[in-house]
C-alpha atoms as a PDB file:
ATOM      1  CA  UNK A   1      89.694 -57.925-110.427  1.00  0.00           C
ATOM      2  CA  UNK A   2      90.926 -60.399-113.053  1.00  0.00           C
ATOM      3  CA  UNK A   3      88.586 -63.059-111.669  1.00  0.00           C
ATOM      4  CA  UNK A   4      85.614 -60.693-112.005  1.00  0.00           C
ATOM      5  CA  UNK A   5      86.470 -60.001-115.638  1.00  0.00           C
ATOM      6  CA  UNK A   6      86.940 -63.712-116.261  1.00  0.00           C
ATOM      7  CA  UNK A   7      83.504 -64.543-114.856  1.00  0.00           C
ATOM      8  CA  UNK A   8      81.752 -61.739-116.758  1.00  0.00           C
ATOM      9  CA  UNK A   9      83.325 -62.437-120.138  1.00  0.00           C
ATOM     10  CA  UNK A  10      83.102 -66.205-119.749  1.00  0.00           C
ATOM     11  CA  UNK A  11      79.353 -65.999-119.119  1.00  0.00           C
ATOM     12  CA  UNK A  12      79.015 -63.646-122.104  1.00  0.00           C
ATOM     13  CA  UNK A  13      80.990 -66.011-124.325  1.00  0.00           C
ATOM     14  CA  UNK A  14      79.237 -69.177-123.159  1.00  0.00           C
ATOM     15  CA  UNK A  15      75.614 -68.652-122.139  1.00  0.00           C
ATOM     16  CA  UNK A  16      75.440 -65.358-124.041  1.00  0.00           C
ATOM     17  CA  UNK A  17      76.555 -66.994-127.296  1.00  0.00           C
ATOM     18  CA  UNK A  18      73.990 -69.774-126.892  1.00  0.00           C
ATOM     19  CA  UNK A  19      71.245 -67.185-126.310  1.00  0.00           C
ATOM     20  CA  UNK A  20      72.238 -65.172-129.389  1.00  0.00           C
ATOM     21  CA  UNK A  21      72.561 -68.326-131.507  1.00  0.00           C
ATOM     22  CA  UNK A  22      69.080 -69.442-130.430  1.00  0.00           C
ATOM     23  CA  UNK A  23      67.670 -66.258-131.969  1.00  0.00           C
ATOM     24  CA  UNK A  24      68.822 -67.511-135.364  1.00  0.00           C
ATOM     25  CA  UNK A  25      66.184 -70.241-135.079  1.00  0.00           C
ATOM     26  CA  UNK A  26      63.425 -67.673-135.592  1.00  0.00           C
ATOM     27  CA  UNK A  27      65.226 -65.820-138.390  1.00  0.00           C
ATOM     28  CA  UNK A  28      64.100 -66.780-141.917  1.00  0.00           C
ATOM     29  CA  UNK A  29      66.438 -69.289-143.551  1.00  0.00           C
ATOM     30  CA  UNK A  30      67.488 -66.921-146.352  1.00  0.00           C
ATOM     31  CA  UNK A  31      68.521 -64.231-143.895  1.00  0.00           C
ATOM     32  CA  UNK A  32      70.322 -66.788-141.719  1.00  0.00           C
ATOM     33  CA  UNK A  33      72.387 -68.003-144.691  1.00  0.00           C
ATOM     34  CA  UNK A  34      73.597 -64.424-145.153  1.00  0.00           C
ATOM     35  CA  UNK A  35      74.311 -63.561-141.510  1.00  0.00           C
ATOM     36  CA  UNK A  36      76.116 -66.733-140.395  1.00  0.00           C
ATOM     37  CA  UNK A  37      78.894 -66.483-143.048  1.00  0.00           C
ATOM     38  CA  UNK A  38      79.395 -62.860-141.980  1.00  0.00           C
ATOM     39  CA  UNK A  39      79.957 -64.004-138.393  1.00  0.00           C
ATOM     40  CA  UNK A  40      82.369 -66.675-139.669  1.00  0.00           C
ATOM     41  CA  UNK A  41      84.388 -64.120-141.646  1.00  0.00           C
ATOM     42  CA  UNK A  42      84.575 -61.720-138.713  1.00  0.00           C
ATOM     43  CA  UNK A  43      85.480 -64.577-136.357  1.00  0.00           C
ATOM     44  CA  UNK A  44      88.348 -65.581-138.660  1.00  0.00           C
ATOM     45  CA  UNK A  45      89.845 -62.112-138.329  1.00  0.00           C
ATOM     46  CA  UNK A  46      89.413 -61.920-134.563  1.00  0.00           C
ATOM     47  CA  UNK A  47      90.899 -65.380-133.988  1.00  0.00           C
ATOM     48  CA  UNK A  48      93.955 -64.720-136.151  1.00  0.00           C
ATOM     49  CA  UNK A  49      94.363 -61.236-134.702  1.00  0.00           C
ATOM     50  CA  UNK A  50      94.147 -62.486-131.119  1.00  0.00           C
ATOM     51  CA  UNK A  51      96.649 -65.265-131.860  1.00  0.00           C
ATOM     52  CA  UNK A  52      99.291 -63.298-133.772  1.00  0.00           C
ATOM     53  CA  UNK A  53      98.902 -59.860-132.179  1.00  0.00           C
ATOM     54  CA  UNK A  54      98.114 -60.869-128.600  1.00  0.00           C
ATOM     55  CA  UNK A  55      98.783 -64.413-127.438  1.00  0.00           C
ATOM     56  CA  UNK A  56     101.993 -65.137-129.338  1.00  0.00           C
ATOM     57  CA  UNK A  57     103.680 -61.796-128.478  1.00  0.00           C
ATOM     58  CA  UNK A  58     102.796 -62.342-124.810  1.00  0.00           C
ATOM     59  CA  UNK A  59     104.276 -65.851-124.887  1.00  0.00           C
ATOM     60  CA  UNK A  60     107.445 -64.509-126.525  1.00  0.00           C
ATOM     61  CA  UNK A  61     108.065 -62.139-123.620  1.00  0.00           C
ATOM     62  CA  UNK A  62     108.780 -65.161-121.393  1.00  0.00           C
ATOM     63  CA  UNK A  63     109.821 -67.934-123.789  1.00  0.00           C
ATOM     64  CA  UNK A  64     112.275 -68.229-126.681  1.00  0.00           C
ATOM     65  CA  UNK A  65     111.027 -68.215-130.273  1.00  0.00           C
ATOM     66  CA  UNK A  66     111.984 -71.890-130.514  1.00  0.00           C
ATOM     67  CA  UNK A  67     109.897 -72.912-127.501  1.00  0.00           C
ATOM     68  CA  UNK A  68     106.886 -70.840-128.585  1.00  0.00           C
ATOM     69  CA  UNK A  69     107.067 -72.277-132.096  1.00  0.00           C
ATOM     70  CA  UNK A  70     107.319 -75.811-130.736  1.00  0.00           C
ATOM     71  CA  UNK A  71     104.324 -75.275-128.439  1.00  0.00           C
ATOM     72  CA  UNK A  72     102.214 -73.905-131.302  1.00  0.00           C
ATOM     73  CA  UNK A  73     103.135 -76.777-133.636  1.00  0.00           C
ATOM     74  CA  UNK A  74     102.433 -79.311-130.893  1.00  0.00           C
ATOM     75  CA  UNK A  75      99.071 -77.702-130.208  1.00  0.00           C
ATOM     76  CA  UNK A  76      98.049 -77.793-133.867  1.00  0.00           C
ATOM     77  CA  UNK A  77      98.887 -81.509-134.047  1.00  0.00           C
ATOM     78  CA  UNK A  78      96.925 -82.195-130.848  1.00  0.00           C
ATOM     79  CA  UNK A  79      93.843 -80.355-132.137  1.00  0.00           C
ATOM     80  CA  UNK A  80      94.110 -82.215-135.448  1.00  0.00           C
ATOM     81  CA  UNK A  81      94.095 -85.549-133.595  1.00  0.00           C
ATOM     82  CA  UNK A  82      91.164 -84.451-131.420  1.00  0.00           C
ATOM     83  CA  UNK A  83      89.202 -83.469-134.516  1.00  0.00           C
ATOM     84  CA  UNK A  84      89.925 -86.865-136.077  1.00  0.00           C
ATOM     85  CA  UNK A  85      88.455 -88.401-132.921  1.00  0.00           C
ATOM     86  CA  UNK A  86      85.383 -86.131-133.369  1.00  0.00           C
ATOM     87  CA  UNK A  87      86.131 -84.505-130.018  1.00  0.00           C
ATOM     88  CA  UNK A  88      87.049 -81.145-131.544  1.00  0.00           C
ATOM     89  CA  UNK A  89      84.496 -80.303-134.181  1.00  0.00           C
ATOM     90  CA  UNK A  90      82.938 -77.242-135.728  1.00  0.00           C
ATOM     91  CA  UNK A  91      79.766 -76.687-137.691  1.00  0.00           C
ATOM     92  CA  UNK A  92      78.264 -73.374-138.720  1.00  0.00           C
ATOM     93  CA  UNK A  93      75.252 -74.250-140.855  1.00  0.00           C
ATOM     94  CA  UNK A  94      72.866 -77.028-141.788  1.00  0.00           C
ATOM     95  CA  UNK A  95      75.237 -78.663-144.268  1.00  0.00           C
ATOM     96  CA  UNK A  96      77.941 -79.944-141.947  1.00  0.00           C
ATOM     97  CA  UNK A  97      79.644 -83.200-142.935  1.00  0.00           C
ATOM     98  CA  UNK A  98      79.423 -84.341-139.308  1.00  0.00           C
ATOM     99  CA  UNK A  99      75.644 -84.177-139.070  1.00  0.00           C
ATOM    100  CA  UNK A 100      75.620 -87.964-139.027  1.00  0.00           C
ATOM    101  CA  UNK A 101      77.441 -87.825-135.711  1.00  0.00           C
ATOM    102  CA  UNK A 102      75.219 -88.632-132.738  1.00  0.00           C
ATOM    103  CA  UNK A 103      73.899 -85.772-130.612  1.00  0.00           C
ATOM    104  CA  UNK A 104      75.598 -86.945-127.383  1.00  0.00           C
ATOM    105  CA  UNK A 105      79.042 -87.127-129.044  1.00  0.00           C
ATOM    106  CA  UNK A 106      78.547 -83.651-130.477  1.00  0.00           C
ATOM    107  CA  UNK A 107      77.733 -82.302-127.016  1.00  0.00           C
ATOM    108  CA  UNK A 108      80.774 -84.027-125.515  1.00  0.00           C
ATOM    109  CA  UNK A 109      83.047 -82.554-128.163  1.00  0.00           C
ATOM    110  CA  UNK A 110      81.507 -79.121-127.773  1.00  0.00           C
ATOM    111  CA  UNK A 111      81.928 -79.252-123.989  1.00  0.00           C
ATOM    112  CA  UNK A 112      85.634 -80.086-124.414  1.00  0.00           C
ATOM    113  CA  UNK A 113      85.991 -77.242-126.892  1.00  0.00           C
ATOM    114  CA  UNK A 114      84.268 -74.837-124.497  1.00  0.00           C
ATOM    115  CA  UNK A 115      86.468 -76.004-121.610  1.00  0.00           C
ATOM    116  CA  UNK A 116      89.603 -75.235-123.634  1.00  0.00           C
ATOM    117  CA  UNK A 117      88.216 -71.824-124.602  1.00  0.00           C
ATOM    118  CA  UNK A 118      87.643 -71.132-120.916  1.00  0.00           C
ATOM    119  CA  UNK A 119      91.258 -71.944-120.083  1.00  0.00           C
ATOM    120  CA  UNK A 120      92.374 -69.750-122.996  1.00  0.00           C
ATOM    121  CA  UNK A 121      90.290 -66.823-121.737  1.00  0.00           C
ATOM    122  CA  UNK A 122      91.591 -67.215-118.183  1.00  0.00           C
ATOM    123  CA  UNK A 123      95.215 -67.380-119.361  1.00  0.00           C
ATOM    124  CA  UNK A 124      94.797 -64.231-121.440  1.00  0.00           C
ATOM    125  CA  UNK A 125      93.041 -62.326-118.654  1.00  0.00           C
ATOM    126  CA  UNK A 126      95.685 -63.338-116.074  1.00  0.00           C
ATOM    127  CA  UNK A 127      98.344 -61.992-118.427  1.00  0.00           C
ATOM    128  CA  UNK A 128      96.586 -58.655-119.048  1.00  0.00           C
ATOM    129  CA  UNK A 129      93.027 -57.353-119.053  1.00  0.00           C
ATOM    130  CA  UNK A 130      93.213 -55.847-122.597  1.00  0.00           C
ATOM    131  CA  UNK A 131      94.493 -59.168-123.952  1.00  0.00           C
ATOM    132  CA  UNK A 132      91.766 -60.977-122.030  1.00  0.00           C
ATOM    133  CA  UNK A 133      89.038 -58.765-123.496  1.00  0.00           C
ATOM    134  CA  UNK A 134      90.429 -59.175-127.024  1.00  0.00           C
ATOM    135  CA  UNK A 135      90.524 -62.947-126.514  1.00  0.00           C
ATOM    136  CA  UNK A 136      86.952 -62.933-125.214  1.00  0.00           C
ATOM    137  CA  UNK A 137      85.778 -61.049-128.320  1.00  0.00           C
ATOM    138  CA  UNK A 138      87.477 -63.659-130.528  1.00  0.00           C
ATOM    139  CA  UNK A 139      85.848 -66.505-128.592  1.00  0.00           C
ATOM    140  CA  UNK A 140      82.386 -64.900-128.729  1.00  0.00           C
ATOM    141  CA  UNK A 141      82.735 -64.213-132.462  1.00  0.00           C
ATOM    142  CA  UNK A 142      83.412 -67.855-133.304  1.00  0.00           C
ATOM    143  CA  UNK A 143      81.096 -69.314-130.645  1.00  0.00           C
ATOM    144  CA  UNK A 144      77.942 -67.751-132.123  1.00  0.00           C
ATOM    145  CA  UNK A 145      78.138 -69.473-135.552  1.00  0.00           C
ATOM    146  CA  UNK A 146      79.392 -72.614-133.786  1.00  0.00           C
ATOM    147  CA  UNK A 147      76.294 -72.702-131.590  1.00  0.00           C
ATOM    148  CA  UNK A 148      74.055 -72.060-134.602  1.00  0.00           C
ATOM    149  CA  UNK A 149      75.556 -75.184-136.160  1.00  0.00           C
ATOM    150  CA  UNK A 150      75.044 -77.132-132.945  1.00  0.00           C
ATOM    151  CA  UNK A 151      71.377 -76.170-132.852  1.00  0.00           C
ATOM    152  CA  UNK A 152      70.981 -77.303-136.457  1.00  0.00           C
ATOM    153  CA  UNK A 153      72.603 -80.667-135.699  1.00  0.00           C
ATOM    154  CA  UNK A 154      70.553 -81.343-132.573  1.00  0.00           C
ATOM    155  CA  UNK A 155      67.281 -80.348-134.223  1.00  0.00           C
ATOM    156  CA  UNK A 156      68.004 -82.615-137.189  1.00  0.00           C
ATOM    157  CA  UNK A 157      68.825 -85.391-134.717  1.00  0.00           C
ATOM    158  CA  UNK A 158      65.274 -85.163-133.352  1.00  0.00           C
ATOM    159  CA  UNK A 159      65.782 -82.981-130.266  1.00  0.00           C
ATOM    160  CA  UNK A 160      63.042 -80.512-129.371  1.00  0.00           C
ATOM    161  CA  UNK A 161      64.044 -76.845-129.496  1.00  0.00           C
ATOM    162  CA  UNK A 162      63.714 -76.459-125.731  1.00  0.00           C
ATOM    163  CA  UNK A 163      65.866 -79.536-125.132  1.00  0.00           C
ATOM    164  CA  UNK A 164      68.458 -78.450-127.704  1.00  0.00           C
ATOM    165  CA  UNK A 165      68.698 -75.065-125.970  1.00  0.00           C
ATOM    166  CA  UNK A 166      69.050 -76.712-122.541  1.00  0.00           C
ATOM    167  CA  UNK A 167      71.768 -79.130-123.677  1.00  0.00           C
ATOM    168  CA  UNK A 168      73.686 -76.411-125.499  1.00  0.00           C
ATOM    169  CA  UNK A 169      73.514 -74.199-122.408  1.00  0.00           C
ATOM    170  CA  UNK A 170      74.819 -76.999-120.182  1.00  0.00           C
ATOM    171  CA  UNK A 171      77.584 -77.714-122.689  1.00  0.00           C
ATOM    172  CA  UNK A 172      78.516 -74.027-122.777  1.00  0.00           C
ATOM    173  CA  UNK A 173      79.116 -74.067-119.006  1.00  0.00           C
ATOM    174  CA  UNK A 174      82.202 -76.147-119.742  1.00  0.00           C
ATOM    175  CA  UNK A 175      83.780 -72.793-120.593  1.00  0.00           C
ATOM    176  CA  UNK A 176      83.068 -71.496-117.099  1.00  0.00           C
ATOM    177  CA  UNK A 177      84.633 -74.613-115.570  1.00  0.00           C
ATOM    178  CA  UNK A 178      87.707 -74.218-117.772  1.00  0.00           C
ATOM    179  CA  UNK A 179      88.027 -70.538-116.902  1.00  0.00           C
ATOM    180  CA  UNK A 180      87.832 -71.113-113.148  1.00  0.00           C
ATOM    181  CA  UNK A 181      90.219 -74.071-113.166  1.00  0.00           C
ATOM    182  CA  UNK A 182      92.556 -72.158-115.473  1.00  0.00           C
ATOM    183  CA  UNK A 183      92.518 -69.067-113.271  1.00  0.00           C
ATOM    184  CA  UNK A 184      93.320 -70.821-109.989  1.00  0.00           C
ATOM    185  CA  UNK A 185      95.843 -73.176-111.586  1.00  0.00           C
ATOM    186  CA  UNK A 186      97.675 -70.431-113.474  1.00  0.00           C
ATOM    187  CA  UNK A 187      97.640 -68.146-110.430  1.00  0.00           C
ATOM    188  CA  UNK A 188      99.413 -70.858-108.460  1.00  0.00           C
ATOM    189  CA  UNK A 189     101.865 -71.874-111.221  1.00  0.00           C
ATOM    190  CA  UNK A 190     102.663 -68.740-113.212  1.00  0.00           C
ATOM    191  CA  UNK A 191     105.659 -70.434-114.874  1.00  0.00           C
ATOM    192  CA  UNK A 192     103.362 -72.434-117.132  1.00  0.00           C
ATOM    193  CA  UNK A 193     101.420 -69.365-118.319  1.00  0.00           C
ATOM    194  CA  UNK A 194     103.513 -68.634-121.464  1.00  0.00           C
ATOM    195  CA  UNK A 195     103.179 -72.276-122.567  1.00  0.00           C
ATOM    196  CA  UNK A 196      99.407 -72.061-122.152  1.00  0.00           C
ATOM    197  CA  UNK A 197      99.420 -68.808-124.163  1.00  0.00           C
ATOM    198  CA  UNK A 198     101.265 -70.506-127.017  1.00  0.00           C
ATOM    199  CA  UNK A 199      98.879 -73.477-126.962  1.00  0.00           C
ATOM    200  CA  UNK A 200      95.966 -71.044-126.873  1.00  0.00           C
ATOM    201  CA  UNK A 201      97.323 -69.361-129.994  1.00  0.00           C
ATOM    202  CA  UNK A 202      97.525 -72.805-131.615  1.00  0.00           C
ATOM    203  CA  UNK A 203      93.840 -73.457-130.911  1.00  0.00           C
ATOM    204  CA  UNK A 204      92.836 -70.113-132.438  1.00  0.00           C
ATOM    205  CA  UNK A 205      95.016 -70.608-135.505  1.00  0.00           C
ATOM    206  CA  UNK A 206      93.743 -74.162-135.995  1.00  0.00           C
ATOM    207  CA  UNK A 207      90.077 -73.158-135.772  1.00  0.00           C
ATOM    208  CA  UNK A 208      90.582 -70.220-138.142  1.00  0.00           C
ATOM    209  CA  UNK A 209      92.742 -71.915-140.781  1.00  0.00           C
ATOM    210  CA  UNK A 210      91.551 -75.535-140.665  1.00  0.00           C
ATOM    211  CA  UNK A 211      87.849 -74.847-140.183  1.00  0.00           C
ATOM    212  CA  UNK A 212      86.649 -71.311-140.838  1.00  0.00           C
ATOM    213  CA  UNK A 213      88.707 -70.473-143.934  1.00  0.00           C
ATOM    214  CA  UNK A 214      87.632 -73.656-145.821  1.00  0.00           C
ATOM    215  CA  UNK A 215      84.028 -72.740-144.976  1.00  0.00           C
ATOM    216  CA  UNK A 216      84.530 -69.302-146.510  1.00  0.00           C
ATOM    217  CA  UNK A 217      85.994 -70.799-149.690  1.00  0.00           C
ATOM    218  CA  UNK A 218      82.672 -72.505-150.396  1.00  0.00           C
ATOM    219  CA  UNK A 219      81.361 -69.132-151.542  1.00  0.00           C
ATOM    220  CA  UNK A 220      83.116 -68.274-154.787  1.00  0.00           C
ATOM    221  CA  UNK A 221      81.187 -65.169-155.933  1.00  0.00           C
ATOM    222  CA  UNK A 222      83.290 -61.987-156.174  1.00  0.00           C
ATOM    223  CA  UNK A 223      80.862 -60.052-153.981  1.00  0.00           C
ATOM    224  CA  UNK A 224      81.060 -62.692-151.245  1.00  0.00           C
ATOM    225  CA  UNK A 225      84.858 -62.735-151.447  1.00  0.00           C
ATOM    226  CA  UNK A 226      85.139 -58.966-151.080  1.00  0.00           C
ATOM    227  CA  UNK A 227      82.756 -58.992-148.106  1.00  0.00           C
ATOM    228  CA  UNK A 228      84.717 -61.825-146.477  1.00  0.00           C
ATOM    229  CA  UNK A 229      88.005 -59.934-146.814  1.00  0.00           C
ATOM    230  CA  UNK A 230      86.476 -56.750-145.371  1.00  0.00           C
ATOM    231  CA  UNK A 231      85.008 -58.624-142.398  1.00  0.00           C
ATOM    232  CA  UNK A 232      88.286 -60.474-141.747  1.00  0.00           C
ATOM    233  CA  UNK A 233      90.108 -57.128-141.764  1.00  0.00           C
ATOM    234  CA  UNK A 234      87.389 -55.762-139.488  1.00  0.00           C
ATOM    235  CA  UNK A 235      87.991 -58.624-137.049  1.00  0.00           C
ATOM    236  CA  UNK A 236      91.735 -57.974-137.039  1.00  0.00           C
ATOM    237  CA  UNK A 237      91.122 -54.240-136.622  1.00  0.00           C
ATOM    238  CA  UNK A 238      88.915 -54.956-133.595  1.00  0.00           C
ATOM    239  CA  UNK A 239      91.776 -56.783-131.899  1.00  0.00           C
ATOM    240  CA  UNK A 240      94.222 -53.974-132.728  1.00  0.00           C
ATOM    241  CA  UNK A 241      91.862 -51.346-131.291  1.00  0.00           C
ATOM    242  CA  UNK A 242      91.323 -53.350-128.115  1.00  0.00           C
ATOM    243  CA  UNK A 243      95.072 -53.620-127.572  1.00  0.00           C
ATOM    244  CA  UNK A 244      95.504 -49.889-128.065  1.00  0.00           C
ATOM    245  CA  UNK A 245      92.681 -49.060-125.630  1.00  0.00           C
END
């Protein structure tokens, strides 16, 4: 049953996110500039909620606080290094500093990111279905604005819309590969599961704090700030409700 859930939610988070993000291409630019930051705010809440209320507590049931803390710190350092190598990048609008990066490198980095998300989703679902669903919601929430940014980069790099959609879809399938490999590997070696959970929490925390939060700080108006806080709380509340279901 866990494998069925993994396949369904992985396809929703990968191909589904690309499909939803592609719809933003036909939305007027003014409306898009309003909606994308809302997705980013909500994604921040879901990522932090999934990390601190789901993944870390699950890891702590099988590992000591010291080992979980060490795994999270190690993961944050690894993701920082990967981002420095432009293999772990995020962009949510048309004003990304990495737009000068070539299209192929962007796709490679995005595929790696999707692969890791797939492993994260599989690890959460193997641990418990409610945790897996909450993790899937967090992944979907941050994948949609991520894919919008990818479309913007590829289009500015000269790719046709049809080709940008095709390449993004292929890249998104890296999540499916990560989920399947993660499921069969973790099913065979359950002892490594809590370590993967801690590293998964590190990836969520890194994306939220190092990438999404700085993006939100670009909007300094009081109205924007209040909306951001409400959406972050809404994202956290979503995770809480899913765990109580």
